[in-house]
């Protein structure tokens, strides 16, 4: 949950590094480079529902991730500790907060919030949902209980909302997912019902990618090994992508969440 007194930028920078949300993160260089290669060959698992208009070679993706997230830019550095620049995280949090505030200042905004990382970032999304409700936004919940078969293995997963934040469950647990299909189905359901699409989507993974691909203003969070949303931002489909380790202990996101909520409120 968010902290009672939000930290200053300098205090949050120290916390991000100490909690390894940024700085020397747990994601290895080998894992980062493997995912950049996978995206370069258009592996759908890493595209998050986004079509990529540019060529986006492995070198292009590495250069983008060095610029946007602060990973080591040297392609010859192939193993060991990789990094996320905490100042890039802070800058993106500020930009995200400003975007959310701008939408909340509209009359009766419609917002959709979702996460593919319920073991980490759920607490942040729940806090943003509470904030949106307090400020008069309508939180959309299309597709509840709609089922999907994952990975051809016959496991059926359903859309489930917890306090208006969408996730997937497998019947007994909330699950991690990159899949864009749930967001695509949610938007299709709104269209079929003749309802307006959201003014803003706050999400991660395929939830964010599919919304951005559909032309909806989207802000999201992404790890250094998930380059898809950063490419989407570079191509103008994602409004803001915040670089961070997306699966530290949920309590460690409290200061970051408090800072982000405070940034939104300061813009209202």
C-alpha atoms as a PDB file:
ATOM      1  CA  UNK A   1       0.000   0.000   0.000  1.00  0.00           C
ATOM      2  CA  UNK A   2       1.030   3.616  -0.453  1.00  0.00           C
ATOM      3  CA  UNK A   3       2.848   5.375   2.372  1.00  0.00           C
ATOM      4  CA  UNK A   4       1.024   7.955   4.532  1.00  0.00           C
ATOM      5  CA  UNK A   5       3.591  10.674   3.800  1.00  0.00           C
ATOM      6  CA  UNK A   6       4.946  10.455   0.260  1.00  0.00           C
ATOM      7  CA  UNK A   7       8.723  10.579  -0.070  1.00  0.00           C
ATOM      8  CA  UNK A   8      10.613  13.322  -1.819  1.00  0.00           C
ATOM      9  CA  UNK A   9      12.233  12.550  -5.148  1.00  0.00           C
ATOM     10  CA  UNK A  10      15.626  12.083  -3.476  1.00  0.00           C
ATOM     11  CA  UNK A  11      14.150   9.861  -0.766  1.00  0.00           C
ATOM     12  CA  UNK A  12      12.372   7.738  -3.346  1.00  0.00           C
ATOM     13  CA  UNK A  13      15.538   7.417  -5.442  1.00  0.00           C
ATOM     14  CA  UNK A  14      17.331   6.001  -2.405  1.00  0.00           C
ATOM     15  CA  UNK A  15      14.454   3.622  -1.714  1.00  0.00           C
ATOM     16  CA  UNK A  16      14.243   2.400  -5.315  1.00  0.00           C
ATOM     17  CA  UNK A  17      17.915   1.453  -5.240  1.00  0.00           C
ATOM     18  CA  UNK A  18      17.776  -0.037  -1.740  1.00  0.00           C
ATOM     19  CA  UNK A  19      14.718  -2.176  -2.588  1.00  0.00           C
ATOM     20  CA  UNK A  20      16.212  -3.055  -6.004  1.00  0.00           C
ATOM     21  CA  UNK A  21      13.192  -1.691  -7.835  1.00  0.00           C
ATOM     22  CA  UNK A  22      15.822   0.238  -9.798  1.00  0.00           C
ATOM     23  CA  UNK A  23      19.617   0.365  -9.716  1.00  0.00           C
ATOM     24  CA  UNK A  24      21.158  -3.113  -9.548  1.00  0.00           C
ATOM     25  CA  UNK A  25      18.000  -5.120 -10.176  1.00  0.00           C
ATOM     26  CA  UNK A  26      17.478  -8.863  -9.943  1.00  0.00           C
ATOM     27  CA  UNK A  27      16.947  -9.277 -13.695  1.00  0.00           C
ATOM     28  CA  UNK A  28      20.193 -10.566 -15.171  1.00  0.00           C
ATOM     29  CA  UNK A  29      21.973  -9.271 -18.258  1.00  0.00           C
ATOM     30  CA  UNK A  30      21.580 -12.684 -19.876  1.00  0.00           C
ATOM     31  CA  UNK A  31      17.818 -12.575 -19.373  1.00  0.00           C
ATOM     32  CA  UNK A  32      17.554  -9.042 -20.706  1.00  0.00           C
ATOM     33  CA  UNK A  33      19.486  -9.822 -23.881  1.00  0.00           C
ATOM     34  CA  UNK A  34      17.565 -13.055 -24.467  1.00  0.00           C
ATOM     35  CA  UNK A  35      14.270 -11.141 -24.350  1.00  0.00           C
ATOM     36  CA  UNK A  36      15.585  -8.387 -26.635  1.00  0.00           C
ATOM     37  CA  UNK A  37      16.541 -11.036 -29.204  1.00  0.00           C
ATOM     38  CA  UNK A  38      13.121 -12.644 -28.846  1.00  0.00           C
ATOM     39  CA  UNK A  39      11.381  -9.337 -29.497  1.00  0.00           C
ATOM     40  CA  UNK A  40      13.656  -8.625 -32.461  1.00  0.00           C
ATOM     41  CA  UNK A  41      12.410 -11.830 -34.138  1.00  0.00           C
ATOM     42  CA  UNK A  42       8.815 -10.858 -33.282  1.00  0.00           C
ATOM     43  CA  UNK A  43       8.085 -13.556 -30.705  1.00  0.00           C
ATOM     44  CA  UNK A  44       4.431 -12.801 -29.807  1.00  0.00           C
ATOM     45  CA  UNK A  45       5.089 -13.588 -26.132  1.00  0.00           C
ATOM     46  CA  UNK A  46       7.245 -10.462 -25.926  1.00  0.00           C
ATOM     47  CA  UNK A  47       5.252  -8.211 -28.250  1.00  0.00           C
ATOM     48  CA  UNK A  48       2.405  -7.805 -25.744  1.00  0.00           C
ATOM     49  CA  UNK A  49      -0.155  -7.381 -28.514  1.00  0.00           C
ATOM     50  CA  UNK A  50       1.717  -4.528 -30.184  1.00  0.00           C
ATOM     51  CA  UNK A  51       2.521  -4.453 -33.870  1.00  0.00           C
ATOM     52  CA  UNK A  52       5.998  -3.074 -34.479  1.00  0.00           C
ATOM     53  CA  UNK A  53       6.187  -0.678 -37.407  1.00  0.00           C
ATOM     54  CA  UNK A  54       9.952  -0.178 -37.373  1.00  0.00           C
ATOM     55  CA  UNK A  55      12.622  -2.745 -38.154  1.00  0.00           C
ATOM     56  CA  UNK A  56      13.716  -2.962 -34.503  1.00  0.00           C
ATOM     57  CA  UNK A  57      16.786  -5.169 -34.674  1.00  0.00           C
ATOM     58  CA  UNK A  58      18.414  -6.543 -31.540  1.00  0.00           C
ATOM     59  CA  UNK A  59      20.866  -3.624 -31.566  1.00  0.00           C
ATOM     60  CA  UNK A  60      18.014  -1.143 -31.956  1.00  0.00           C
ATOM     61  CA  UNK A  61      16.163  -2.623 -28.994  1.00  0.00           C
ATOM     62  CA  UNK A  62      19.262  -2.649 -26.805  1.00  0.00           C
ATOM     63  CA  UNK A  63      19.946   1.001 -27.666  1.00  0.00           C
ATOM     64  CA  UNK A  64      16.346   1.910 -26.849  1.00  0.00           C
ATOM     65  CA  UNK A  65      16.468   0.083 -23.516  1.00  0.00           C
ATOM     66  CA  UNK A  66      19.726   1.828 -22.615  1.00  0.00           C
ATOM     67  CA  UNK A  67      18.065   5.178 -23.333  1.00  0.00           C
ATOM     68  CA  UNK A  68      14.653   4.481 -21.790  1.00  0.00           C
ATOM     69  CA  UNK A  69      15.520   2.207 -18.863  1.00  0.00           C
ATOM     70  CA  UNK A  70      19.233   2.669 -18.291  1.00  0.00           C
ATOM     71  CA  UNK A  71      20.507  -0.830 -19.018  1.00  0.00           C
ATOM     72  CA  UNK A  72      24.170  -1.146 -20.003  1.00  0.00           C
ATOM     73  CA  UNK A  73      24.404   0.009 -23.648  1.00  0.00           C
ATOM     74  CA  UNK A  74      27.463  -2.064 -24.609  1.00  0.00           C
ATOM     75  CA  UNK A  75      26.379  -5.061 -26.765  1.00  0.00           C
ATOM     76  CA  UNK A  76      29.615  -6.769 -25.789  1.00  0.00           C
ATOM     77  CA  UNK A  77      28.458  -6.925 -22.159  1.00  0.00           C
ATOM     78  CA  UNK A  78      26.678 -10.265 -22.210  1.00  0.00           C
ATOM     79  CA  UNK A  79      26.490 -11.561 -18.636  1.00  0.00           C
ATOM     80  CA  UNK A  80      26.315 -10.381 -15.064  1.00  0.00           C
ATOM     81  CA  UNK A  81      24.584  -7.468 -13.356  1.00  0.00           C
ATOM     82  CA  UNK A  82      22.368  -5.186 -15.392  1.00  0.00           C
ATOM     83  CA  UNK A  83      20.758  -1.979 -14.195  1.00  0.00           C
ATOM     84  CA  UNK A  84      17.742   0.306 -14.325  1.00  0.00           C
ATOM     85  CA  UNK A  85      18.536   3.997 -13.911  1.00  0.00           C
ATOM     86  CA  UNK A  86      16.436   5.244 -10.942  1.00  0.00           C
ATOM     87  CA  UNK A  87      16.240   8.731 -12.443  1.00  0.00           C
ATOM     88  CA  UNK A  88      14.605   7.290 -15.546  1.00  0.00           C
ATOM     89  CA  UNK A  89      12.126   5.537 -13.254  1.00  0.00           C
ATOM     90  CA  UNK A  90      11.430   8.798 -11.427  1.00  0.00           C
ATOM     91  CA  UNK A  91      11.045  10.797 -14.638  1.00  0.00           C
ATOM     92  CA  UNK A  92       8.585   8.245 -15.984  1.00  0.00           C
ATOM     93  CA  UNK A  93       6.624   8.193 -12.714  1.00  0.00           C
ATOM     94  CA  UNK A  94       6.279  11.974 -12.962  1.00  0.00           C
ATOM     95  CA  UNK A  95       5.102  11.700 -16.569  1.00  0.00           C
ATOM     96  CA  UNK A  96       2.654   8.928 -15.661  1.00  0.00           C
ATOM     97  CA  UNK A  97       1.260  10.956 -12.771  1.00  0.00           C
ATOM     98  CA  UNK A  98       0.762  13.974 -15.016  1.00  0.00           C
ATOM     99  CA  UNK A  99      -1.066  11.878 -17.633  1.00  0.00           C
ATOM    100  CA  UNK A 100      -3.373  10.337 -15.043  1.00  0.00           C
ATOM    101  CA  UNK A 101      -4.111  13.762 -13.533  1.00  0.00           C
ATOM    102  CA  UNK A 102      -4.951  15.209 -16.951  1.00  0.00           C
ATOM    103  CA  UNK A 103      -7.503  12.435 -17.556  1.00  0.00           C
ATOM    104  CA  UNK A 104      -9.003  12.739 -14.068  1.00  0.00           C
ATOM    105  CA  UNK A 105      -9.652  16.437 -14.677  1.00  0.00           C
ATOM    106  CA  UNK A 106     -12.047  15.522 -17.495  1.00  0.00           C
ATOM    107  CA  UNK A 107     -15.763  15.223 -16.852  1.00  0.00           C
ATOM    108  CA  UNK A 108     -16.646  11.656 -15.801  1.00  0.00           C
ATOM    109  CA  UNK A 109     -13.521   9.952 -17.176  1.00  0.00           C
ATOM    110  CA  UNK A 110     -13.642   6.242 -17.954  1.00  0.00           C
ATOM    111  CA  UNK A 111     -10.585   4.312 -16.775  1.00  0.00           C
ATOM    112  CA  UNK A 112      -9.595   0.657 -17.036  1.00  0.00           C
ATOM    113  CA  UNK A 113      -6.884  -0.772 -14.769  1.00  0.00           C
ATOM    114  CA  UNK A 114      -5.255  -4.205 -15.137  1.00  0.00           C
ATOM    115  CA  UNK A 115      -2.117  -6.080 -14.151  1.00  0.00           C
ATOM    116  CA  UNK A 116      -0.340  -9.208 -15.298  1.00  0.00           C
ATOM    117  CA  UNK A 117       1.829  -9.125 -12.169  1.00  0.00           C
ATOM    118  CA  UNK A 118      -0.516  -9.725  -9.221  1.00  0.00           C
ATOM    119  CA  UNK A 119       2.373 -10.868  -6.999  1.00  0.00           C
ATOM    120  CA  UNK A 120       4.117  -7.513  -7.322  1.00  0.00           C
ATOM    121  CA  UNK A 121       2.446  -4.483  -8.839  1.00  0.00           C
ATOM    122  CA  UNK A 122      -1.122  -5.233  -7.768  1.00  0.00           C
ATOM    123  CA  UNK A 123      -0.797  -2.973  -4.711  1.00  0.00           C
ATOM    124  CA  UNK A 124       0.113  -0.003  -6.911  1.00  0.00           C
ATOM    125  CA  UNK A 125      -2.774  -0.614  -9.289  1.00  0.00           C
ATOM    126  CA  UNK A 126      -5.214  -0.933  -6.391  1.00  0.00           C
ATOM    127  CA  UNK A 127      -4.062   2.420  -4.993  1.00  0.00           C
ATOM    128  CA  UNK A 128      -4.542   4.074  -8.383  1.00  0.00           C
ATOM    129  CA  UNK A 129      -8.016   2.558  -8.605  1.00  0.00           C
ATOM    130  CA  UNK A 130      -8.912   4.010  -5.199  1.00  0.00           C
ATOM    131  CA  UNK A 131      -7.612   7.402  -6.270  1.00  0.00           C
ATOM    132  CA  UNK A 132      -9.567   7.317  -9.528  1.00  0.00           C
ATOM    133  CA  UNK A 133     -12.798   6.456  -7.699  1.00  0.00           C
ATOM    134  CA  UNK A 134     -12.267   9.265  -5.176  1.00  0.00           C
ATOM    135  CA  UNK A 135     -11.890  11.694  -8.055  1.00  0.00           C
ATOM    136  CA  UNK A 136     -15.124  10.636  -9.720  1.00  0.00           C
ATOM    137  CA  UNK A 137     -13.822   8.353 -12.472  1.00  0.00           C
ATOM    138  CA  UNK A 138     -15.853   5.419 -13.726  1.00  0.00           C
ATOM    139  CA  UNK A 139     -13.760   2.257 -13.476  1.00  0.00           C
ATOM    140  CA  UNK A 140     -14.707  -0.147 -16.238  1.00  0.00           C
ATOM    141  CA  UNK A 141     -14.997  -3.892 -15.628  1.00  0.00           C
ATOM    142  CA  UNK A 142     -15.812  -5.573 -18.956  1.00  0.00           C
ATOM    143  CA  UNK A 143     -15.341  -9.265 -19.575  1.00  0.00           C
ATOM    144  CA  UNK A 144     -15.584 -10.457 -15.987  1.00  0.00           C
ATOM    145  CA  UNK A 145     -15.286 -14.290 -15.812  1.00  0.00           C
ATOM    146  CA  UNK A 146     -14.604 -14.518 -19.560  1.00  0.00           C
ATOM    147  CA  UNK A 147     -12.347 -17.530 -20.071  1.00  0.00           C
ATOM    148  CA  UNK A 148      -9.225 -18.135 -22.168  1.00  0.00           C
ATOM    149  CA  UNK A 149      -7.160 -21.219 -22.871  1.00  0.00           C
ATOM    150  CA  UNK A 150      -3.521 -20.485 -22.156  1.00  0.00           C
ATOM    151  CA  UNK A 151      -0.590 -21.743 -24.188  1.00  0.00           C
ATOM    152  CA  UNK A 152      -2.438 -24.623 -25.808  1.00  0.00           C
ATOM    153  CA  UNK A 153      -2.218 -26.617 -22.577  1.00  0.00           C
ATOM    154  CA  UNK A 154      -5.933 -26.615 -21.887  1.00  0.00           C
ATOM    155  CA  UNK A 155      -5.676 -24.476 -18.768  1.00  0.00           C
ATOM    156  CA  UNK A 156      -8.619 -22.104 -18.702  1.00  0.00           C
ATOM    157  CA  UNK A 157      -8.007 -18.708 -17.196  1.00  0.00           C
ATOM    158  CA  UNK A 158     -10.671 -16.119 -16.479  1.00  0.00           C
ATOM    159  CA  UNK A 159     -10.764 -12.379 -16.097  1.00  0.00           C
ATOM    160  CA  UNK A 160     -11.343 -11.500 -12.472  1.00  0.00           C
ATOM    161  CA  UNK A 161     -11.573  -8.061 -10.860  1.00  0.00           C
ATOM    162  CA  UNK A 162     -10.303  -7.211  -7.413  1.00  0.00           C
ATOM    163  CA  UNK A 163     -11.552  -3.749  -6.399  1.00  0.00           C
ATOM    164  CA  UNK A 164     -11.931  -2.919 -10.110  1.00  0.00           C
ATOM    165  CA  UNK A 165      -8.443  -4.054 -11.128  1.00  0.00           C
ATOM    166  CA  UNK A 166      -8.477  -6.757 -13.800  1.00  0.00           C
ATOM    167  CA  UNK A 167      -6.293  -9.859 -13.599  1.00  0.00           C
ATOM    168  CA  UNK A 168      -6.407 -13.460 -14.762  1.00  0.00           C
ATOM    169  CA  UNK A 169      -7.102 -16.388 -12.479  1.00  0.00           C
ATOM    170  CA  UNK A 170      -6.846 -20.111 -13.065  1.00  0.00           C
ATOM    171  CA  UNK A 171      -9.701 -21.020 -10.752  1.00  0.00           C
ATOM    172  CA  UNK A 172      -7.604 -21.102  -7.598  1.00  0.00           C
ATOM    173  CA  UNK A 173      -5.001 -18.366  -7.939  1.00  0.00           C
ATOM    174  CA  UNK A 174      -4.249 -15.087  -9.634  1.00  0.00           C
ATOM    175  CA  UNK A 175      -1.664 -15.624 -12.366  1.00  0.00           C
ATOM    176  CA  UNK A 176       1.193 -13.867 -14.110  1.00  0.00           C
ATOM    177  CA  UNK A 177       0.508 -13.241 -17.792  1.00  0.00           C
ATOM    178  CA  UNK A 178       1.901 -11.483 -20.870  1.00  0.00           C
ATOM    179  CA  UNK A 179      -1.216 -12.325 -22.891  1.00  0.00           C
ATOM    180  CA  UNK A 180      -2.912  -9.455 -24.790  1.00  0.00           C
ATOM    181  CA  UNK A 181      -6.034 -11.530 -25.514  1.00  0.00           C
ATOM    182  CA  UNK A 182      -7.915 -10.590 -22.312  1.00  0.00           C
ATOM    183  CA  UNK A 183      -7.635  -6.851 -22.990  1.00  0.00           C
ATOM    184  CA  UNK A 184      -8.551  -7.404 -26.631  1.00  0.00           C
ATOM    185  CA  UNK A 185     -11.658  -9.292 -25.496  1.00  0.00           C
ATOM    186  CA  UNK A 186     -12.575  -6.616 -22.959  1.00  0.00           C
ATOM    187  CA  UNK A 187     -12.403  -3.868 -25.581  1.00  0.00           C
ATOM    188  CA  UNK A 188     -14.378  -5.991 -28.055  1.00  0.00           C
ATOM    189  CA  UNK A 189     -17.088  -6.508 -25.443  1.00  0.00           C
ATOM    190  CA  UNK A 190     -17.367  -2.748 -24.915  1.00  0.00           C
ATOM    191  CA  UNK A 191     -17.604  -2.227 -28.676  1.00  0.00           C
ATOM    192  CA  UNK A 192     -20.260  -4.917 -29.077  1.00  0.00           C
ATOM    193  CA  UNK A 193     -22.331  -3.380 -26.292  1.00  0.00           C
ATOM    194  CA  UNK A 194     -22.111   0.052 -27.890  1.00  0.00           C
ATOM    195  CA  UNK A 195     -20.230   1.430 -24.900  1.00  0.00           C
ATOM    196  CA  UNK A 196     -17.439   3.973 -25.066  1.00  0.00           C
ATOM    197  CA  UNK A 197     -13.895   2.705 -24.732  1.00  0.00           C
ATOM    198  CA  UNK A 198     -11.844   3.928 -21.765  1.00  0.00           C
ATOM    199  CA  UNK A 199     -10.246   7.358 -21.779  1.00  0.00           C
ATOM    200  CA  UNK A 200      -7.196   5.827 -20.113  1.00  0.00           C
ATOM    201  CA  UNK A 201      -5.750   2.392 -19.421  1.00  0.00           C
ATOM    202  CA  UNK A 202      -3.298   1.895 -16.536  1.00  0.00           C
ATOM    203  CA  UNK A 203      -1.670  -1.508 -16.890  1.00  0.00           C
ATOM    204  CA  UNK A 204       1.373  -3.631 -17.705  1.00  0.00           C
ATOM    205  CA  UNK A 205       2.351  -6.504 -20.011  1.00  0.00           C
ATOM    206  CA  UNK A 206      -0.203  -7.509 -22.642  1.00  0.00           C
ATOM    207  CA  UNK A 207      -2.975  -5.610 -20.906  1.00  0.00           C
ATOM    208  CA  UNK A 208      -1.125  -2.370 -21.706  1.00  0.00           C
ATOM    209  CA  UNK A 209       0.163  -3.424 -25.119  1.00  0.00           C
ATOM    210  CA  UNK A 210      -3.259  -4.406 -26.453  1.00  0.00           C
ATOM    211  CA  UNK A 211      -4.804  -1.167 -25.215  1.00  0.00           C
ATOM    212  CA  UNK A 212      -2.065   0.941 -26.784  1.00  0.00           C
ATOM    213  CA  UNK A 213      -2.358  -0.971 -30.047  1.00  0.00           C
ATOM    214  CA  UNK A 214      -6.091  -0.190 -30.028  1.00  0.00           C
ATOM    215  CA  UNK A 215      -5.314   3.532 -29.921  1.00  0.00           C
ATOM    216  CA  UNK A 216      -6.283   4.089 -26.280  1.00  0.00           C
ATOM    217  CA  UNK A 217      -4.164   6.391 -24.141  1.00  0.00           C
ATOM    218  CA  UNK A 218      -2.167   3.953 -22.050  1.00  0.00           C
ATOM    219  CA  UNK A 219       0.382   4.252 -19.268  1.00  0.00           C
ATOM    220  CA  UNK A 220       2.180   1.237 -17.889  1.00  0.00           C
ATOM    221  CA  UNK A 221       4.991  -0.366 -15.966  1.00  0.00           C
ATOM    222  CA  UNK A 222       7.666  -2.626 -17.466  1.00  0.00           C
ATOM    223  CA  UNK A 223      10.783  -4.475 -16.347  1.00  0.00           C
ATOM    224  CA  UNK A 224      14.099  -4.198 -18.151  1.00  0.00           C
ATOM    225  CA  UNK A 225      13.498  -7.652 -19.666  1.00  0.00           C
ATOM    226  CA  UNK A 226      10.130  -6.573 -21.132  1.00  0.00           C
ATOM    227  CA  UNK A 227      11.102  -4.261 -23.996  1.00  0.00           C
ATOM    228  CA  UNK A 228       7.758  -4.438 -25.813  1.00  0.00           C
ATOM    229  CA  UNK A 229       6.102  -1.513 -24.039  1.00  0.00           C
ATOM    230  CA  UNK A 230       9.214   0.640 -24.505  1.00  0.00           C
ATOM    231  CA  UNK A 231       9.066  -0.025 -28.251  1.00  0.00           C
ATOM    232  CA  UNK A 232       5.368   0.820 -28.107  1.00  0.00           C
ATOM    233  CA  UNK A 233       6.212   4.101 -26.418  1.00  0.00           C
ATOM    234  CA  UNK A 234       8.911   4.873 -28.993  1.00  0.00           C
ATOM    235  CA  UNK A 235       6.330   4.313 -31.746  1.00  0.00           C
ATOM    236  CA  UNK A 236       3.742   6.515 -30.048  1.00  0.00           C
ATOM    237  CA  UNK A 237       1.314   3.771 -29.011  1.00  0.00           C
ATOM    238  CA  UNK A 238       2.085   3.819 -25.285  1.00  0.00           C
ATOM    239  CA  UNK A 239       1.992   7.223 -23.598  1.00  0.00           C
ATOM    240  CA  UNK A 240       4.361   6.418 -20.706  1.00  0.00           C
ATOM    241  CA  UNK A 241       6.324   3.320 -19.727  1.00  0.00           C
ATOM    242  CA  UNK A 242       7.866   3.268 -16.244  1.00  0.00           C
ATOM    243  CA  UNK A 243      11.029   1.124 -16.036  1.00  0.00           C
ATOM    244  CA  UNK A 244      11.286  -0.890 -12.825  1.00  0.00           C
ATOM    245  CA  UNK A 245      11.661  -4.382 -11.435  1.00  0.00           C
ATOM    246  CA  UNK A 246       8.044  -5.484 -11.579  1.00  0.00           C
ATOM    247  CA  UNK A 247       8.159  -8.303  -9.029  1.00  0.00           C
ATOM    248  CA  UNK A 248       9.812  -7.281  -5.784  1.00  0.00           C
ATOM    249  CA  UNK A 249       7.917  -7.754  -2.526  1.00  0.00           C
ATOM    250  CA  UNK A 250       4.657  -5.784  -2.767  1.00  0.00           C
ATOM    251  CA  UNK A 251       5.382  -3.737   0.364  1.00  0.00           C
ATOM    252  CA  UNK A 252       8.495  -2.309  -1.295  1.00  0.00           C
ATOM    253  CA  UNK A 253       6.305  -0.480  -3.820  1.00  0.00           C
ATOM    254  CA  UNK A 254       4.624   1.516  -1.027  1.00  0.00           C
ATOM    255  CA  UNK A 255       6.892   4.599  -1.195  1.00  0.00           C
ATOM    256  CA  UNK A 256       6.771   4.606  -5.003  1.00  0.00           C
ATOM    257  CA  UNK A 257       2.989   4.331  -4.954  1.00  0.00           C
ATOM    258  CA  UNK A 258       2.703   7.148  -2.444  1.00  0.00           C
ATOM    259  CA  UNK A 259       4.938   9.328  -4.607  1.00  0.00           C
ATOM    260  CA  UNK A 260       2.902   8.559  -7.722  1.00  0.00           C
ATOM    261  CA  UNK A 261      -0.437   9.207  -6.023  1.00  0.00           C
ATOM    262  CA  UNK A 262       0.910  12.497  -4.667  1.00  0.00           C
ATOM    263  CA  UNK A 263       2.083  13.490  -8.147  1.00  0.00           C
ATOM    264  CA  UNK A 264      -1.386  12.806  -9.553  1.00  0.00           C
ATOM    265  CA  UNK A 265      -3.080  14.771  -6.784  1.00  0.00           C
ATOM    266  CA  UNK A 266      -0.732  17.721  -7.261  1.00  0.00           C
ATOM    267  CA  UNK A 267      -1.887  17.931 -10.875  1.00  0.00           C
ATOM    268  CA  UNK A 268      -5.595  18.054 -10.067  1.00  0.00           C
END
